Amino acid sequence: MNKKLVLSVLASLVIGGLLGYVITDKTVTRYKVIDATCSTLNVAVEQNMLQAAQIKELGKLTKQKLGDNTTAAAFKISDKMIENASEHSNCSQFMLGMSQ
C-alpha cells in the first residue's frame, strides 16, 4: 500500500510540475515580455528618442519583422481591446499596431 501511495504522490508531483510549467510559459512569460517592451517604449518617449505618435507605426513594423512567432503573439489583443485602446497609452498604441 505504501508503494502505491508513494507512486501516486510522485505522479502527482510530475503532472503538477508539468502543468505549472505550461501555465507559466503561456501567461507569466507573456506579461514579462509586454512589461519590458512597454517600459522601454515609455523611456524612449520620455527621453525624446521616439515620439508618441510613432509608436503605433513601430508596432506595425515590429509585427512585420517578427511575423507570427511567440514574441509577436504576446502582443495580440482582442477586437474589444482594440476598440478600447487608449490613445494616450504608449503600450496600448504599440499593441494596437502589433495587432493590425
PDB file of N, CA and C in Angstrom:
ATOM      1  N   MET A   1       0.823  -1.192   0.000  1.00  0.00           N
ATOM      2  CA  MET A   1       0.000   0.000   0.000  1.00  0.00           C
ATOM      3  C   MET A   1       0.867   1.256   0.000  1.00  0.00           C
ATOM      4  N   ASN A   2       1.982   1.238   0.706  1.00  0.00           N
ATOM      5  CA  ASN A   2       2.869   2.396   0.757  1.00  0.00           C
ATOM      6  C   ASN A   2       3.485   2.694  -0.608  1.00  0.00           C
ATOM      7  N   LYS A   3       3.769   1.636  -1.386  1.00  0.00           N
ATOM      8  CA  LYS A   3       4.334   1.846  -2.718  1.00  0.00           C
ATOM      9  C   LYS A   3       3.340   2.579  -3.614  1.00  0.00           C
ATOM     10  N   LYS A   4       2.059   2.213  -3.502  1.00  0.00           N
ATOM     11  CA  LYS A   4       1.035   2.878  -4.304  1.00  0.00           C
ATOM     12  C   LYS A   4       0.918   4.344  -3.916  1.00  0.00           C
ATOM     13  N   LEU A   5       1.006   4.614  -2.636  1.00  0.00           N
ATOM     14  CA  LEU A   5       0.913   5.993  -2.150  1.00  0.00           C
ATOM     15  C   LEU A   5       2.104   6.816  -2.638  1.00  0.00           C
ATOM     16  N   VAL A   6       3.286   6.252  -2.541  1.00  0.00           N
ATOM     17  CA  VAL A   6       4.494   6.941  -2.988  1.00  0.00           C
ATOM     18  C   VAL A   6       4.432   7.193  -4.495  1.00  0.00           C
ATOM     19  N   LEU A   7       4.021   6.190  -5.260  1.00  0.00           N
ATOM     20  CA  LEU A   7       3.901   6.358  -6.707  1.00  0.00           C
ATOM     21  C   LEU A   7       2.837   7.395  -7.059  1.00  0.00           C
ATOM     22  N   SER A   8       1.747   7.403  -6.307  1.00  0.00           N
ATOM     23  CA  SER A   8       0.692   8.405  -6.531  1.00  0.00           C
ATOM     24  C   SER A   8       1.207   9.809  -6.279  1.00  0.00           C
ATOM     25  N   VAL A   9       1.933   9.973  -5.199  1.00  0.00           N
ATOM     26  CA  VAL A   9       2.488  11.288  -4.859  1.00  0.00           C
ATOM     27  C   VAL A   9       3.490  11.718  -5.920  1.00  0.00           C
ATOM     28  N   LEU A  10       4.365  10.832  -6.337  1.00  0.00           N
ATOM     29  CA  LEU A  10       5.358  11.163  -7.363  1.00  0.00           C
ATOM     30  C   LEU A  10       4.689  11.507  -8.693  1.00  0.00           C
ATOM     31  N   ALA A  11       3.691  10.738  -9.084  1.00  0.00           N
ATOM     32  CA  ALA A  11       2.975  11.026 -10.329  1.00  0.00           C
ATOM     33  C   ALA A  11       2.283  12.380 -10.243  1.00  0.00           C
ATOM     34  N   SER A  12       1.687  12.674  -9.098  1.00  0.00           N
ATOM     35  CA  SER A  12       1.022  13.970  -8.903  1.00  0.00           C
ATOM     36  C   SER A  12       2.016  15.117  -8.993  1.00  0.00           C
ATOM     37  N   LEU A  13       3.188  14.938  -8.409  1.00  0.00           N
ATOM     38  CA  LEU A  13       4.215  15.977  -8.460  1.00  0.00           C
ATOM     39  C   LEU A  13       4.696  16.214  -9.890  1.00  0.00           C
ATOM     40  N   VAL A  14       4.902  15.147 -10.633  1.00  0.00           N
ATOM     41  CA  VAL A  14       5.362  15.279 -12.018  1.00  0.00           C
ATOM     42  C   VAL A  14       4.296  15.964 -12.866  1.00  0.00           C
ATOM     43  N   ILE A  15       3.060  15.506 -12.752  1.00  0.00           N
ATOM     44  CA  ILE A  15       1.968  16.112 -13.528  1.00  0.00           C
ATOM     45  C   ILE A  15       1.769  17.568 -13.121  1.00  0.00           C
ATOM     46  N   GLY A  16       1.800  17.842 -11.829  1.00  0.00           N
ATOM     47  CA  GLY A  16       1.659  19.221 -11.342  1.00  0.00           C
ATOM     48  C   GLY A  16       2.785  20.114 -11.819  1.00  0.00           C
ATOM     49  N   GLY A  17       3.999  19.585 -11.816  1.00  0.00           N
ATOM     50  CA  GLY A  17       5.143  20.359 -12.295  1.00  0.00           C
ATOM     51  C   GLY A  17       5.030  20.690 -13.770  1.00  0.00           C
ATOM     52  N   LEU A  18       4.634  19.715 -14.560  1.00  0.00           N
ATOM     53  CA  LEU A  18       4.460  19.953 -15.998  1.00  0.00           C
ATOM     54  C   LEU A  18       3.333  20.944 -16.263  1.00  0.00           C
ATOM     55  N   LEU A  19       2.235  20.789 -15.559  1.00  0.00           N
ATOM     56  CA  LEU A  19       1.109  21.706 -15.717  1.00  0.00           C
ATOM     57  C   LEU A  19       1.505  23.125 -15.307  1.00  0.00           C
ATOM     58  N   GLY A  20       2.217  23.252 -14.210  1.00  0.00           N
ATOM     59  CA  GLY A  20       2.692  24.561 -13.761  1.00  0.00           C
ATOM     60  C   GLY A  20       3.629  25.207 -14.762  1.00  0.00           C
ATOM     61  N   TYR A  21       4.504  24.411 -15.345  1.00  0.00           N
ATOM     62  CA  TYR A  21       5.433  24.928 -16.350  1.00  0.00           C
ATOM     63  C   TYR A  21       4.680  25.466 -17.562  1.00  0.00           C
ATOM     64  N   VAL A  22       3.703  24.713 -18.042  1.00  0.00           N
ATOM     65  CA  VAL A  22       2.931  25.128 -19.217  1.00  0.00           C
ATOM     66  C   VAL A  22       2.154  26.404 -18.924  1.00  0.00           C
ATOM     67  N   ILE A  23       1.512  26.469 -17.766  1.00  0.00           N
ATOM     68  CA  ILE A  23       0.740  27.663 -17.402  1.00  0.00           C
ATOM     69  C   ILE A  23       1.655  28.874 -17.295  1.00  0.00           C
ATOM     70  N   THR A  24       2.789  28.710 -16.655  1.00  0.00           N
ATOM     71  CA  THR A  24       3.743  29.814 -16.524  1.00  0.00           C
ATOM     72  C   THR A  24       4.241  30.254 -17.888  1.00  0.00           C
ATOM     73  N   ASP A  25       4.563  29.299 -18.727  1.00  0.00           N
ATOM     74  CA  ASP A  25       5.074  29.612 -20.063  1.00  0.00           C
ATOM     75  C   ASP A  25       4.058  30.398 -20.879  1.00  0.00           C
ATOM     76  N   LYS A  26       2.791  30.095 -20.728  1.00  0.00           N
ATOM     77  CA  LYS A  26       1.751  30.743 -21.530  1.00  0.00           C
ATOM     78  C   LYS A  26       1.260  32.062 -20.945  1.00  0.00           C
ATOM     79  N   THR A  27       1.458  32.304 -19.663  1.00  0.00           N
ATOM     80  CA  THR A  27       0.914  33.527 -19.059  1.00  0.00           C
ATOM     81  C   THR A  27       1.996  34.469 -18.537  1.00  0.00           C
ATOM     82  N   VAL A  28       2.761  34.018 -17.583  1.00  0.00           N
ATOM     83  CA  VAL A  28       3.747  34.885 -16.934  1.00  0.00           C
ATOM     84  C   VAL A  28       4.769  35.397 -17.941  1.00  0.00           C
ATOM     85  N   THR A  29       5.243  34.533 -18.797  1.00  0.00           N
ATOM     86  CA  THR A  29       6.225  34.935 -19.802  1.00  0.00           C
ATOM     87  C   THR A  29       5.657  36.019 -20.706  1.00  0.00           C
ATOM     88  N   ARG A  30       4.396  35.877 -21.069  1.00  0.00           N
ATOM     89  CA  ARG A  30       3.741  36.876 -21.928  1.00  0.00           C
ATOM     90  C   ARG A  30       3.761  38.249 -21.256  1.00  0.00           C
ATOM     91  N   TYR A  31       3.399  38.295 -19.996  1.00  0.00           N
ATOM     92  CA  TYR A  31       3.338  39.577 -19.308  1.00  0.00           C
ATOM     93  C   TYR A  31       4.723  40.174 -19.063  1.00  0.00           C
ATOM     94  N   LYS A  32       5.723  39.331 -18.907  1.00  0.00           N
ATOM     95  CA  LYS A  32       7.088  39.844 -18.763  1.00  0.00           C
ATOM     96  C   LYS A  32       7.557  40.507 -20.057  1.00  0.00           C
ATOM     97  N   VAL A  33       7.243  39.892 -21.188  1.00  0.00           N
ATOM     98  CA  VAL A  33       7.610  40.462 -22.491  1.00  0.00           C
ATOM     99  C   VAL A  33       6.908  41.798 -22.695  1.00  0.00           C
ATOM    100  N   ILE A  34       5.616  41.838 -22.397  1.00  0.00           N
ATOM    101  CA  ILE A  34       4.842  43.072 -22.557  1.00  0.00           C
ATOM    102  C   ILE A  34       5.367  44.157 -21.625  1.00  0.00           C
ATOM    103  N   ASP A  35       5.629  43.805 -20.377  1.00  0.00           N
ATOM    104  CA  ASP A  35       6.116  44.789 -19.398  1.00  0.00           C
ATOM    105  C   ASP A  35       7.458  45.380 -19.820  1.00  0.00           C
ATOM    106  N   ALA A  36       8.375  44.534 -20.253  1.00  0.00           N
ATOM    107  CA  ALA A  36       9.693  45.021 -20.675  1.00  0.00           C
ATOM    108  C   ALA A  36       9.583  45.931 -21.894  1.00  0.00           C
ATOM    109  N   THR A  37       8.765  45.546 -22.852  1.00  0.00           N
ATOM    110  CA  THR A  37       8.598  46.351 -24.062  1.00  0.00           C
ATOM    111  C   THR A  37       7.956  47.692 -23.749  1.00  0.00           C
ATOM    112  N   CYS A  38       6.902  47.672 -22.943  1.00  0.00           N
ATOM    113  CA  CYS A  38       6.207  48.923 -22.604  1.00  0.00           C
ATOM    114  C   CYS A  38       7.110  49.861 -21.809  1.00  0.00           C
ATOM    115  N   SER A  39       7.896  49.309 -20.909  1.00  0.00           N
ATOM    116  CA  SER A  39       8.837  50.139 -20.150  1.00  0.00           C
ATOM    117  C   SER A  39       9.852  50.789 -21.078  1.00  0.00           C
ATOM    118  N   THR A  40      10.364  50.027 -22.027  1.00  0.00           N
ATOM    119  CA  THR A  40      11.327  50.556 -22.996  1.00  0.00           C
ATOM    120  C   THR A  40      10.704  51.663 -23.837  1.00  0.00           C
ATOM    121  N   LEU A  41       9.481  51.446 -24.300  1.00  0.00           N
ATOM    122  CA  LEU A  41       8.792  52.471 -25.092  1.00  0.00           C
ATOM    123  C   LEU A  41       8.594  53.748 -24.289  1.00  0.00           C
ATOM    124  N   ASN A  42       8.175  53.612 -23.039  1.00  0.00           N
ATOM    125  CA  ASN A  42       7.946  54.790 -22.201  1.00  0.00           C
ATOM    126  C   ASN A  42       9.231  55.576 -21.967  1.00  0.00           C
ATOM    127  N   VAL A  43      10.325  54.879 -21.736  1.00  0.00           N
ATOM    128  CA  VAL A  43      11.611  55.561 -21.545  1.00  0.00           C
ATOM    129  C   VAL A  43      12.021  56.270 -22.832  1.00  0.00           C
ATOM    130  N   ALA A  44      11.836  55.616 -23.973  1.00  0.00           N
ATOM    131  CA  ALA A  44      12.202  56.230 -25.260  1.00  0.00           C
ATOM    132  C   ALA A  44      11.397  57.503 -25.506  1.00  0.00           C
ATOM    133  N   VAL A  45      10.118  57.500 -25.153  1.00  0.00           N
ATOM    134  CA  VAL A  45       9.285  58.695 -25.329  1.00  0.00           C
ATOM    135  C   VAL A  45       9.700  59.779 -24.334  1.00  0.00           C
ATOM    136  N   GLU A  46       9.929  59.400 -23.075  1.00  0.00           N
ATOM    137  CA  GLU A  46      10.333  60.374 -22.049  1.00  0.00           C
ATOM    138  C   GLU A  46      11.657  61.040 -22.396  1.00  0.00           C
ATOM    139  N   GLN A  47      12.565  60.306 -23.018  1.00  0.00           N
ATOM    140  CA  GLN A  47      13.886  60.837 -23.368  1.00  0.00           C
ATOM    141  C   GLN A  47      13.903  61.483 -24.757  1.00  0.00           C
ATOM    142  N   ASN A  48      12.733  61.651 -25.338  1.00  0.00           N
ATOM    143  CA  ASN A  48      12.581  62.266 -26.663  1.00  0.00           C
ATOM    144  C   ASN A  48      13.345  61.519 -27.758  1.00  0.00           C
ATOM    145  N   MET A  49      13.491  60.222 -27.591  1.00  0.00           N
ATOM    146  CA  MET A  49      14.122  59.396 -28.611  1.00  0.00           C
ATOM    147  C   MET A  49      13.083  58.914 -29.622  1.00  0.00           C
ATOM    148  N   LEU A  50      11.830  58.977 -29.221  1.00  0.00           N
ATOM    149  CA  LEU A  50      10.724  58.486 -30.027  1.00  0.00           C
ATOM    150  C   LEU A  50       9.510  59.338 -29.704  1.00  0.00           C
ATOM    151  N   GLN A  51       8.760  59.708 -30.707  1.00  0.00           N
ATOM    152  CA  GLN A  51       7.550  60.489 -30.471  1.00  0.00           C
ATOM    153  C   GLN A  51       6.382  59.538 -30.242  1.00  0.00           C
ATOM    154  N   ALA A  52       5.476  59.935 -29.371  1.00  0.00           N
ATOM    155  CA  ALA A  52       4.325  59.088 -29.057  1.00  0.00           C
ATOM    156  C   ALA A  52       3.529  58.733 -30.312  1.00  0.00           C
ATOM    157  N   ALA A  53       3.470  59.644 -31.255  1.00  0.00           N
ATOM    158  CA  ALA A  53       2.716  59.408 -32.492  1.00  0.00           C
ATOM    159  C   ALA A  53       3.341  58.305 -33.351  1.00  0.00           C
ATOM    160  N   GLN A  54       4.594  57.960 -33.122  1.00  0.00           N
ATOM    161  CA  GLN A  54       5.293  56.950 -33.922  1.00  0.00           C
ATOM    162  C   GLN A  54       5.117  55.529 -33.387  1.00  0.00           C
ATOM    163  N   ILE A  55       4.575  55.401 -32.201  1.00  0.00           N
ATOM    164  CA  ILE A  55       4.556  54.097 -31.535  1.00  0.00           C
ATOM    165  C   ILE A  55       3.659  53.084 -32.246  1.00  0.00           C
ATOM    166  N   LYS A  56       2.491  53.506 -32.694  1.00  0.00           N
ATOM    167  CA  LYS A  56       1.594  52.579 -33.397  1.00  0.00           C
ATOM    168  C   LYS A  56       2.268  52.052 -34.665  1.00  0.00           C
ATOM    169  N   GLU A  57       2.920  52.946 -35.401  1.00  0.00           N
ATOM    170  CA  GLU A  57       3.632  52.531 -36.616  1.00  0.00           C
ATOM    171  C   GLU A  57       4.785  51.593 -36.269  1.00  0.00           C
ATOM    172  N   LEU A  58       5.473  51.862 -35.167  1.00  0.00           N
ATOM    173  CA  LEU A  58       6.546  50.976 -34.715  1.00  0.00           C
ATOM    174  C   LEU A  58       5.993  49.581 -34.422  1.00  0.00           C
ATOM    175  N   GLY A  59       4.808  49.522 -33.823  1.00  0.00           N
ATOM    176  CA  GLY A  59       4.158  48.234 -33.575  1.00  0.00           C
ATOM    177  C   GLY A  59       3.882  47.481 -34.864  1.00  0.00           C
ATOM    178  N   LYS A  60       3.393  48.191 -35.880  1.00  0.00           N
ATOM    179  CA  LYS A  60       3.119  47.558 -37.179  1.00  0.00           C
ATOM    180  C   LYS A  60       4.399  47.019 -37.809  1.00  0.00           C
ATOM    181  N   LEU A  61       5.455  47.829 -37.779  1.00  0.00           N
ATOM    182  CA  LEU A  61       6.731  47.412 -38.370  1.00  0.00           C
ATOM    183  C   LEU A  61       7.341  46.235 -37.611  1.00  0.00           C
ATOM    184  N   THR A  62       7.202  46.261 -36.295  1.00  0.00           N
ATOM    185  CA  THR A  62       7.717  45.165 -35.474  1.00  0.00           C
ATOM    186  C   THR A  62       6.981  43.874 -35.792  1.00  0.00           C
ATOM    187  N   LYS A  63       5.674  43.961 -35.949  1.00  0.00           N
ATOM    188  CA  LYS A  63       4.860  42.784 -36.301  1.00  0.00           C
ATOM    189  C   LYS A  63       5.312  42.216 -37.644  1.00  0.00           C
ATOM    190  N   GLN A  64       5.577  43.092 -38.613  1.00  0.00           N
ATOM    191  CA  GLN A  64       6.046  42.630 -39.923  1.00  0.00           C
ATOM    192  C   GLN A  64       7.383  41.905 -39.796  1.00  0.00           C
ATOM    193  N   LYS A  65       8.260  42.434 -38.972  1.00  0.00           N
ATOM    194  CA  LYS A  65       9.594  41.854 -38.801  1.00  0.00           C
ATOM    195  C   LYS A  65       9.540  40.512 -38.063  1.00  0.00           C
ATOM    196  N   LEU A  66       8.728  40.448 -37.003  1.00  0.00           N
ATOM    197  CA  LEU A  66       8.662  39.235 -36.190  1.00  0.00           C
ATOM    198  C   LEU A  66       7.782  38.152 -36.794  1.00  0.00           C
ATOM    199  N   GLY A  67       6.839  38.544 -37.632  1.00  0.00           N
ATOM    200  CA  GLY A  67       5.907  37.562 -38.187  1.00  0.00           C
ATOM    201  C   GLY A  67       4.960  37.059 -37.109  1.00  0.00           C
ATOM    202  N   ASP A  68       4.760  35.758 -37.070  1.00  0.00           N
ATOM    203  CA  ASP A  68       3.824  35.168 -36.106  1.00  0.00           C
ATOM    204  C   ASP A  68       4.538  34.357 -35.031  1.00  0.00           C
ATOM    205  N   ASN A  69       5.747  34.741 -34.669  1.00  0.00           N
ATOM    206  CA  ASN A  69       6.453  33.967 -33.652  1.00  0.00           C
ATOM    207  C   ASN A  69       5.856  34.195 -32.262  1.00  0.00           C
ATOM    208  N   THR A  70       6.389  33.531 -31.279  1.00  0.00           N
ATOM    209  CA  THR A  70       5.856  33.580 -29.921  1.00  0.00           C
ATOM    210  C   THR A  70       5.881  34.983 -29.340  1.00  0.00           C
ATOM    211  N   THR A  71       6.929  35.725 -29.581  1.00  0.00           N
ATOM    212  CA  THR A  71       7.019  37.082 -29.050  1.00  0.00           C
ATOM    213  C   THR A  71       5.939  37.963 -29.641  1.00  0.00           C
ATOM    214  N   ALA A  72       5.726  37.880 -30.926  1.00  0.00           N
ATOM    215  CA  ALA A  72       4.680  38.680 -31.569  1.00  0.00           C
ATOM    216  C   ALA A  72       3.305  38.289 -31.053  1.00  0.00           C
ATOM    217  N   ALA A  73       3.094  37.012 -30.812  1.00  0.00           N
ATOM    218  CA  ALA A  73       1.798  36.535 -30.324  1.00  0.00           C
ATOM    219  C   ALA A  73       1.463  37.107 -28.948  1.00  0.00           C
ATOM    220  N   ALA A  74       2.474  37.447 -28.162  1.00  0.00           N
ATOM    221  CA  ALA A  74       2.228  38.021 -26.834  1.00  0.00           C
ATOM    222  C   ALA A  74       1.494  39.350 -26.924  1.00  0.00           C
ATOM    223  N   PHE A  75       1.634  40.043 -28.026  1.00  0.00           N
ATOM    224  CA  PHE A  75       1.037  41.371 -28.178  1.00  0.00           C
ATOM    225  C   PHE A  75      -0.311  41.349 -28.888  1.00  0.00           C
ATOM    226  N   LYS A  76      -0.778  40.189 -29.265  1.00  0.00           N
ATOM    227  CA  LYS A  76      -2.080  40.077 -29.945  1.00  0.00           C
ATOM    228  C   LYS A  76      -3.185  40.404 -28.950  1.00  0.00           C
ATOM    229  N   ILE A  77      -4.062  41.335 -29.337  1.00  0.00           N
ATOM    230  CA  ILE A  77      -5.172  41.709 -28.462  1.00  0.00           C
ATOM    231  C   ILE A  77      -6.496  41.498 -29.189  1.00  0.00           C
ATOM    232  N   SER A  78      -7.548  41.345 -28.410  1.00  0.00           N
ATOM    233  CA  SER A  78      -8.875  41.075 -28.969  1.00  0.00           C
ATOM    234  C   SER A  78      -9.459  42.327 -29.619  1.00  0.00           C
ATOM    235  N   ASP A  79     -10.505  42.121 -30.406  1.00  0.00           N
ATOM    236  CA  ASP A  79     -11.182  43.246 -31.059  1.00  0.00           C
ATOM    237  C   ASP A  79     -11.733  44.231 -30.032  1.00  0.00           C
ATOM    238  N   LYS A  80     -12.240  43.713 -28.922  1.00  0.00           N
ATOM    239  CA  LYS A  80     -12.774  44.591 -27.871  1.00  0.00           C
ATOM    240  C   LYS A  80     -11.661  45.454 -27.272  1.00  0.00           C
ATOM    241  N   MET A  81     -10.497  44.857 -27.062  1.00  0.00           N
ATOM    242  CA  MET A  81      -9.369  45.622 -26.529  1.00  0.00           C
ATOM    243  C   MET A  81      -8.889  46.652 -27.548  1.00  0.00           C
ATOM    244  N   ILE A  82      -8.967  46.305 -28.831  1.00  0.00           N
ATOM    245  CA  ILE A  82      -8.579  47.251 -29.884  1.00  0.00           C
ATOM    246  C   ILE A  82      -9.488  48.470 -29.840  1.00  0.00           C
ATOM    247  N   GLU A  83     -10.790  48.231 -29.674  1.00  0.00           N
ATOM    248  CA  GLU A  83     -11.753  49.330 -29.594  1.00  0.00           C
ATOM    249  C   GLU A  83     -11.494  50.221 -28.380  1.00  0.00           C
ATOM    250  N   ASN A  84     -11.036  49.615 -27.284  1.00  0.00           N
ATOM    251  CA  ASN A  84     -10.838  50.355 -26.040  1.00  0.00           C
ATOM    252  C   ASN A  84      -9.406  50.852 -25.839  1.00  0.00           C
ATOM    253  N   ALA A  85      -8.551  50.678 -26.824  1.00  0.00           N
ATOM    254  CA  ALA A  85      -7.148  51.089 -26.686  1.00  0.00           C
ATOM    255  C   ALA A  85      -7.053  52.597 -26.459  1.00  0.00           C
ATOM    256  N   SER A  86      -6.321  52.965 -25.435  1.00  0.00           N
ATOM    257  CA  SER A  86      -6.159  54.377 -25.097  1.00  0.00           C
ATOM    258  C   SER A  86      -5.195  55.058 -26.068  1.00  0.00           C
ATOM    259  N   GLU A  87      -5.599  56.214 -26.552  1.00  0.00           N
ATOM    260  CA  GLU A  87      -4.727  56.986 -27.445  1.00  0.00           C
ATOM    261  C   GLU A  87      -3.540  57.575 -26.688  1.00  0.00           C
ATOM    262  N   HIS A  88      -3.650  57.646 -25.367  1.00  0.00           N
ATOM    263  CA  HIS A  88      -2.623  58.281 -24.544  1.00  0.00           C
ATOM    264  C   HIS A  88      -1.668  57.266 -23.911  1.00  0.00           C
ATOM    265  N   SER A  89      -1.874  55.989 -24.192  1.00  0.00           N
ATOM    266  CA  SER A  89      -1.020  54.945 -23.628  1.00  0.00           C
ATOM    267  C   SER A  89      -0.061  54.437 -24.697  1.00  0.00           C
ATOM    268  N   ASN A  90       1.226  54.595 -24.437  1.00  0.00           N
ATOM    269  CA  ASN A  90       2.233  54.105 -25.381  1.00  0.00           C
ATOM    270  C   ASN A  90       2.100  52.601 -25.588  1.00  0.00           C
ATOM    271  N   CYS A  91       1.860  51.892 -24.512  1.00  0.00           N
ATOM    272  CA  CYS A  91       1.748  50.439 -24.595  1.00  0.00           C
ATOM    273  C   CYS A  91       0.522  50.028 -25.413  1.00  0.00           C
ATOM    274  N   SER A  92      -0.597  50.665 -25.163  1.00  0.00           N
ATOM    275  CA  SER A  92      -1.820  50.353 -25.922  1.00  0.00           C
ATOM    276  C   SER A  92      -1.618  50.608 -27.407  1.00  0.00           C
ATOM    277  N   GLN A  93      -0.974  51.700 -27.739  1.00  0.00           N
ATOM    278  CA  GLN A  93      -0.764  52.029 -29.145  1.00  0.00           C
ATOM    279  C   GLN A  93       0.187  51.039 -29.817  1.00  0.00           C
ATOM    280  N   PHE A  94       1.221  50.604 -29.093  1.00  0.00           N
ATOM    281  CA  PHE A  94       2.144  49.612 -29.641  1.00  0.00           C
ATOM    282  C   PHE A  94       1.416  48.289 -29.872  1.00  0.00           C
ATOM    283  N   MET A  95       0.619  47.869 -28.893  1.00  0.00           N
ATOM    284  CA  MET A  95      -0.128  46.621 -29.020  1.00  0.00           C
ATOM    285  C   MET A  95      -1.161  46.718 -30.142  1.00  0.00           C
ATOM    286  N   LEU A  96      -1.735  47.883 -30.310  1.00  0.00           N
ATOM    287  CA  LEU A  96      -2.675  48.113 -31.403  1.00  0.00           C
ATOM    288  C   LEU A  96      -1.967  47.927 -32.750  1.00  0.00           C
ATOM    289  N   GLY A  97      -0.789  48.517 -32.874  1.00  0.00           N
ATOM    290  CA  GLY A  97      -0.002  48.345 -34.095  1.00  0.00           C
ATOM    291  C   GLY A  97       0.388  46.894 -34.330  1.00  0.00           C
ATOM    292  N   MET A  98       0.750  46.185 -33.265  1.00  0.00           N
ATOM    293  CA  MET A  98       1.135  44.775 -33.382  1.00  0.00           C
ATOM    294  C   MET A  98      -0.052  43.890 -33.755  1.00  0.00           C
ATOM    295  N   SER A  99      -1.256  44.332 -33.457  1.00  0.00           N
ATOM    296  CA  SER A  99      -2.453  43.525 -33.712  1.00  0.00           C
ATOM    297  C   SER A  99      -3.044  43.762 -35.095  1.00  0.00           C
ATOM    298  N   GLN A 100      -2.506  44.704 -35.835  1.00  0.00           N
ATOM    299  CA  GLN A 100      -3.059  45.011 -37.156  1.00  0.00           C
ATOM    300  C   GLN A 100      -2.306  44.291 -38.250  1.00  0.00           C
TER     301      GLN A 100
END
